[in-house]
Amino acid sequence: QVQLVESGGGLVQAGGSLRLSCAASGRTFSAYAMAWFRQAPGKEREFIAAISWSGIITYYADSVKGRFTISRDNVKNTVYLQMFSLKPEDTAIYYCAADRTRLPPRTILGAYDDWGPGTQVTVSS
């Protein structure tokens, strides 16, 4: 099992930026695909971005493509989500997740084994 803890959330005005971090425990972090999801009030959890173990392959939801960037540092056991040009509709709890199957990164919720508790991002208009 991988323990994940997100940080970096907060309140920001529309058009602003934030960088989320997800610190992972475990020696095999570098072998796992990682992803970010988010869940807004009254809505289902949705895929945002995923990254392969090497960091070479990345996928994004259309709603964030060109505004968000996922990256990772396998030395620090951390995955990041840099968010630019934030919009009020980006308001949600953001979760990072780990896929311990060692497959390429996937976009579906059920592919991920371990989840962090989440960090709140609020974008004011």
Protein backbone atom coordinates (compact mmCIF):
# COMPACT_ATOMS: atom_id res chain seq x y z
CA GLN A 1 0.00 0.00 0.00
CA VAL A 2 1.11 3.56 -0.72
CA GLN A 3 0.30 6.37 1.69
CA LEU A 4 -0.43 9.64 -0.09
CA VAL A 5 -0.82 13.13 1.34
CA GLU A 6 -1.81 16.13 -0.77
CA SER A 7 -0.93 19.74 -0.01
CA GLY A 8 -0.96 23.14 -1.67
CA GLY A 9 -4.68 23.74 -1.94
CA GLY A 10 -6.30 27.02 -0.98
CA LEU A 11 -8.34 30.00 -2.09
CA VAL A 12 -7.34 31.79 -5.28
CA GLN A 13 -8.95 34.32 -7.58
CA ALA A 14 -10.00 33.39 -11.09
CA GLY A 15 -7.03 33.58 -13.42
CA GLY A 16 -4.61 32.70 -10.66
CA SER A 17 -2.42 29.67 -10.18
CA LEU A 18 -1.66 27.01 -7.59
CA ARG A 19 0.70 24.08 -7.36
CA LEU A 20 -0.50 20.97 -5.61
CA SER A 21 1.91 18.40 -4.22
CA CYS A 22 1.33 14.78 -3.31
CA ALA A 23 3.91 13.13 -1.09
CA ALA A 24 4.05 9.34 -1.23
CA SER A 25 5.51 6.79 1.10
CA GLY A 26 7.11 3.56 -0.03
CA ARG A 27 10.22 2.48 -1.85
CA THR A 28 8.44 1.56 -5.07
CA PHE A 29 6.76 4.90 -5.77
CA SER A 30 8.90 5.33 -8.86
CA ALA A 31 7.34 2.20 -10.40
CA TYR A 32 3.74 3.42 -10.21
CA ALA A 33 1.64 5.51 -12.50
CA MET A 34 0.10 8.42 -10.62
CA ALA A 35 -2.93 10.57 -11.22
CA TRP A 36 -4.92 13.52 -10.00
CA PHE A 37 -8.71 13.49 -9.71
CA ARG A 38 -11.11 16.05 -8.35
CA GLN A 39 -14.60 16.09 -6.90
CA ALA A 40 -16.84 19.12 -6.79
CA PRO A 41 -19.85 19.32 -4.44
CA GLY A 42 -22.71 17.20 -5.73
CA LYS A 43 -20.64 15.76 -8.56
CA GLU A 44 -18.79 12.53 -9.18
CA ARG A 45 -15.03 12.28 -8.84
CA GLU A 46 -13.45 13.01 -12.21
CA PHE A 47 -10.10 12.36 -13.84
CA ILE A 48 -7.78 15.35 -14.26
CA ALA A 49 -4.31 14.14 -15.17
CA ALA A 50 -2.10 11.05 -15.10
CA ILE A 51 1.61 10.41 -15.46
CA SER A 52 3.67 7.30 -16.13
CA TRP A 53 6.33 6.02 -13.75
CA SER A 54 9.04 7.70 -15.85
CA GLY A 55 7.19 10.94 -16.28
CA ILE A 56 7.39 10.64 -20.05
CA ILE A 57 3.73 9.81 -20.69
CA THR A 58 1.03 12.18 -19.51
CA TYR A 59 -2.72 12.40 -20.07
CA TYR A 60 -5.10 15.25 -19.33
CA ALA A 61 -8.83 15.77 -19.21
CA ASP A 62 -10.00 18.11 -21.94
CA SER A 63 -11.27 20.54 -19.32
CA VAL A 64 -7.74 21.22 -18.02
CA LYS A 65 -5.57 20.59 -21.06
CA GLY A 66 -3.26 23.53 -21.66
CA ARG A 67 -3.85 24.94 -18.16
CA PHE A 68 -2.66 22.14 -15.85
CA THR A 69 0.64 20.26 -15.85
CA ILE A 70 1.35 17.03 -14.01
CA SER A 71 4.92 16.12 -13.11
CA ARG A 72 6.80 13.95 -10.68
CA ASP A 73 10.06 13.74 -8.79
CA ASN A 74 10.91 10.12 -8.09
CA VAL A 75 13.77 11.10 -5.79
CA LYS A 76 11.42 13.08 -3.58
CA ASN A 77 8.55 10.60 -3.98
CA THR A 78 6.30 13.45 -4.97
CA VAL A 79 3.86 14.16 -7.77
CA TYR A 80 2.79 17.69 -8.63
CA LEU A 81 -0.12 19.40 -10.32
CA GLN A 82 0.66 22.91 -11.54
CA MET A 83 -2.54 24.77 -12.26
CA PHE A 84 -2.71 28.00 -14.25
CA SER A 85 -5.60 30.19 -15.42
CA LEU A 86 -7.87 28.81 -12.75
CA LYS A 87 -11.61 29.13 -13.18
CA PRO A 88 -14.44 28.99 -10.63
CA GLU A 89 -15.46 25.63 -12.11
CA ASP A 90 -12.09 24.23 -11.01
CA THR A 91 -13.31 24.49 -7.42
CA ALA A 92 -13.20 21.00 -5.92
CA ILE A 93 -11.36 18.69 -3.60
CA TYR A 94 -8.29 17.41 -5.43
CA TYR A 95 -7.04 13.88 -4.82
CA CYS A 96 -3.89 12.12 -5.90
CA ALA A 97 -3.92 8.41 -6.56
CA ALA A 98 -1.45 5.60 -7.19
CA ASP A 99 -1.82 2.64 -9.55
CA ARG A 100 0.23 -0.27 -8.21
CA THR A 101 -0.30 -2.50 -11.25
CA ARG A 102 2.72 -1.03 -13.07
CA LEU A 103 0.65 -0.57 -16.21
CA PRO A 104 0.77 2.62 -18.30
CA PRO A 105 -1.22 5.49 -16.81
CA ARG A 106 -4.99 5.20 -17.07
CA THR A 107 -7.82 7.67 -16.79
CA ILE A 108 -10.46 5.61 -15.03
CA LEU A 109 -11.22 5.90 -11.34
CA GLY A 110 -11.18 2.16 -10.71
CA ALA A 111 -7.62 1.75 -11.98
CA TYR A 112 -6.15 3.38 -8.88
CA ASP A 113 -5.43 1.52 -5.69
CA ASP A 114 -4.41 4.14 -3.17
CA TRP A 115 -5.79 7.60 -2.52
CA GLY A 116 -4.86 10.61 -0.46
CA PRO A 117 -7.35 12.44 1.78
CA GLY A 118 -7.57 15.34 -0.68
CA THR A 119 -6.90 19.07 -0.62
CA GLN A 120 -9.49 21.78 -1.19
CA VAL A 121 -9.08 24.21 -4.07
CA THR A 122 -11.48 27.14 -4.20
CA VAL A 123 -11.46 29.60 -7.08
CA SER A 124 -13.37 32.81 -6.57
CA SER A 125 -14.84 34.81 -9.43
